[in-house]
């Protein structure tokens, strides 16, 4: 029995749905264990007041949800993947707004409790997401050729540039 795949799955990195399910669970498990139970690497919390960490968490979390929401509005107007390169909306400023938003959720939790083990886990997660993006961008380059190469030159991969014309 094979799993039913959604339209456009051929544009995604292999098993990306598994990574995007397992990584947050693993991160939260490690983060909760380190933050609440073992406290191996949370000594920096003693130097940053909880209220400051809470405000940072709320701000970063709100920004992450905004990026995810804007990318959904731009990418999923229909249930079918576009046969044209989408470069409007939030994709005008950053090539991977949804993944960026997801990564910001991890950063928000790291702001709430500064866990050094959590930071190491985040670096590993970022490297996995970067691999997925590189894989998916090769597919887009094959699909859209020079148009995508020019888009890559103009629009940053990870850090949004609000000054793009």
Protein backbone atom coordinates (compact mmCIF):
# COMPACT_ATOMS: atom_id res chain seq x y z
CA UNK A 1 0.00 0.00 0.00
CA UNK A 2 1.44 3.38 -1.00
CA UNK A 3 0.70 6.66 0.69
CA UNK A 4 -1.48 9.09 -1.23
CA UNK A 5 0.64 12.05 -2.29
CA UNK A 6 -0.58 15.57 -2.90
CA UNK A 7 -0.19 17.39 -6.20
CA UNK A 8 3.23 19.00 -6.45
CA UNK A 9 4.98 16.45 -4.21
CA UNK A 10 7.54 15.96 -6.98
CA UNK A 11 8.76 19.50 -6.25
CA UNK A 12 9.66 18.60 -2.66
CA UNK A 13 12.73 17.00 -1.14
CA UNK A 14 12.33 13.26 -0.51
CA UNK A 15 10.63 12.53 2.81
CA UNK A 16 10.37 16.22 3.67
CA UNK A 17 6.99 15.57 5.30
CA UNK A 18 8.69 13.14 7.69
CA UNK A 19 11.42 15.67 8.57
CA UNK A 20 8.81 18.36 9.15
CA UNK A 21 6.90 16.05 11.48
CA UNK A 22 9.76 14.49 13.41
CA UNK A 23 12.05 17.53 13.83
CA UNK A 24 9.61 19.69 15.85
CA UNK A 25 8.72 16.75 18.08
CA UNK A 26 12.39 15.95 18.67
CA UNK A 27 13.25 19.62 19.24
CA UNK A 28 10.40 20.14 21.71
CA UNK A 29 11.27 16.97 23.58
CA UNK A 30 14.91 18.02 23.95
CA UNK A 31 13.99 21.64 24.69
CA UNK A 32 11.44 20.69 27.38
CA UNK A 33 13.77 18.15 28.99
CA UNK A 34 16.64 20.65 29.09
CA UNK A 35 14.50 23.63 30.12
CA UNK A 36 12.27 22.04 32.72
CA UNK A 37 13.82 18.84 34.03
CA UNK A 38 17.56 18.42 33.60
CA UNK A 39 18.61 22.06 33.02
CA UNK A 40 21.99 21.01 31.59
CA UNK A 41 22.49 24.07 29.44
CA UNK A 42 20.05 26.75 30.56
CA UNK A 43 22.36 28.74 32.84
CA UNK A 44 22.09 31.80 30.55
CA UNK A 45 18.46 32.13 31.65
CA UNK A 46 19.84 33.42 34.97
CA UNK A 47 21.32 36.41 33.13
CA UNK A 48 18.30 37.39 31.01
CA UNK A 49 15.11 38.30 32.85
CA UNK A 50 12.12 36.08 32.05
CA UNK A 51 9.98 39.05 30.98
CA UNK A 52 12.57 40.01 28.35
CA UNK A 53 12.67 36.42 27.09
CA UNK A 54 8.85 36.26 27.04
CA UNK A 55 8.56 39.48 25.03
CA UNK A 56 11.19 38.23 22.56
CA UNK A 57 9.31 34.94 22.27
CA UNK A 58 6.03 36.71 21.50
CA UNK A 59 7.61 39.03 18.92
CA UNK A 60 9.57 36.32 17.10
CA UNK A 61 6.61 33.91 17.22
CA UNK A 62 4.27 36.58 15.77
CA UNK A 63 6.76 37.31 12.97
CA UNK A 64 7.06 33.59 12.22
CA UNK A 65 3.28 33.15 11.97
CA UNK A 66 3.12 36.20 9.69
CA UNK A 67 5.70 34.72 7.30
CA UNK A 68 3.92 31.37 7.24
CA UNK A 69 0.53 33.01 6.66
CA UNK A 70 1.82 35.29 3.89
CA UNK A 71 3.53 32.39 2.14
CA UNK A 72 0.31 30.33 2.30
CA UNK A 73 -1.66 33.20 0.78
CA UNK A 74 0.86 33.54 -2.04
CA UNK A 75 1.55 29.88 -2.79
CA UNK A 76 -1.75 28.14 -2.18
CA UNK A 77 -4.35 30.29 -3.90
CA UNK A 78 -5.42 27.13 -5.71
CA UNK A 79 -5.05 23.46 -4.83
CA UNK A 80 -2.88 22.84 -7.87
CA UNK A 81 0.80 23.80 -8.00
CA UNK A 82 1.50 26.71 -10.30
CA UNK A 83 3.05 26.04 -13.68
CA UNK A 84 4.60 29.51 -13.54
CA UNK A 85 7.34 30.77 -11.22
CA UNK A 86 5.71 32.71 -8.39
CA UNK A 87 7.73 35.81 -7.49
CA UNK A 88 5.07 38.11 -6.08
CA UNK A 89 3.79 38.66 -2.56
CA UNK A 90 6.20 37.62 0.17
CA UNK A 91 8.22 35.66 -2.41
CA UNK A 92 9.35 39.01 -3.78
CA UNK A 93 11.50 39.50 -0.65
CA UNK A 94 12.56 35.97 0.34
CA UNK A 95 12.65 32.69 -1.58
CA UNK A 96 11.60 30.43 1.30
CA UNK A 97 9.20 32.35 3.54
CA UNK A 98 7.39 29.28 4.85
CA UNK A 99 10.57 27.49 5.89
CA UNK A 100 11.91 30.77 7.28
CA UNK A 101 8.74 31.12 9.37
CA UNK A 102 9.06 27.56 10.63
CA UNK A 103 12.68 28.15 11.61
CA UNK A 104 11.65 31.33 13.43
CA UNK A 105 9.29 29.27 15.58
CA UNK A 106 12.32 27.31 16.80
CA UNK A 107 14.14 30.60 17.45
CA UNK A 108 11.15 31.89 19.41
CA UNK A 109 11.32 28.91 21.77
CA UNK A 110 15.06 29.42 22.14
CA UNK A 111 14.35 33.04 23.13
CA UNK A 112 11.88 31.84 25.77
CA UNK A 113 14.44 29.55 27.36
CA UNK A 114 18.02 29.88 26.29
CA UNK A 115 18.99 26.23 25.98
CA UNK A 116 22.44 25.65 24.54
CA UNK A 117 21.46 22.07 23.69
CA UNK A 118 18.40 23.53 21.96
CA UNK A 119 20.67 25.87 19.97
CA UNK A 120 22.77 22.91 18.81
CA UNK A 121 19.57 21.10 17.85
CA UNK A 122 18.41 24.21 15.96
CA UNK A 123 21.66 24.31 13.98
CA UNK A 124 21.12 20.69 12.95
CA UNK A 125 17.51 21.47 12.00
CA UNK A 126 18.63 24.50 9.99
CA UNK A 127 21.13 22.35 8.08
CA UNK A 128 18.37 19.85 7.26
CA UNK A 129 16.07 22.64 6.06
CA UNK A 130 18.91 24.13 4.03
CA UNK A 131 19.44 20.72 2.38
CA UNK A 132 15.70 20.52 1.59
CA UNK A 133 15.73 24.02 0.10
CA UNK A 134 18.79 23.28 -2.03
CA UNK A 135 17.13 20.09 -3.30
CA UNK A 136 13.87 21.87 -4.10
CA UNK A 137 15.64 24.80 -5.76
CA UNK A 138 17.45 22.41 -8.11
CA UNK A 139 14.03 21.11 -9.16
CA UNK A 140 12.76 24.66 -9.71
CA UNK A 141 15.89 25.50 -11.67
CA UNK A 142 15.22 22.52 -13.96
CA UNK A 143 11.57 23.56 -14.34
CA UNK A 144 12.01 27.31 -14.86
CA UNK A 145 15.62 27.61 -16.09
CA UNK A 146 17.01 31.13 -16.48
CA UNK A 147 13.92 32.70 -14.96
CA UNK A 148 14.61 30.93 -11.66
CA UNK A 149 18.37 31.60 -11.86
CA UNK A 150 17.65 35.33 -12.22
CA UNK A 151 15.18 35.15 -9.34
CA UNK A 152 17.84 33.46 -7.17
CA UNK A 153 20.29 36.28 -7.95
CA UNK A 154 17.73 38.93 -7.00
CA UNK A 155 15.99 37.43 -3.96
CA UNK A 156 17.75 36.09 -0.84
CA UNK A 157 17.34 32.49 0.25
CA UNK A 158 16.92 32.97 4.01
CA UNK A 159 16.98 36.58 5.20
CA UNK A 160 14.17 38.76 3.78
CA UNK A 161 15.24 41.89 1.94
CA UNK A 162 12.47 44.52 2.14
CA UNK A 163 14.44 46.88 -0.14
CA UNK A 164 14.12 44.79 -3.32
CA UNK A 165 12.60 46.82 -6.15
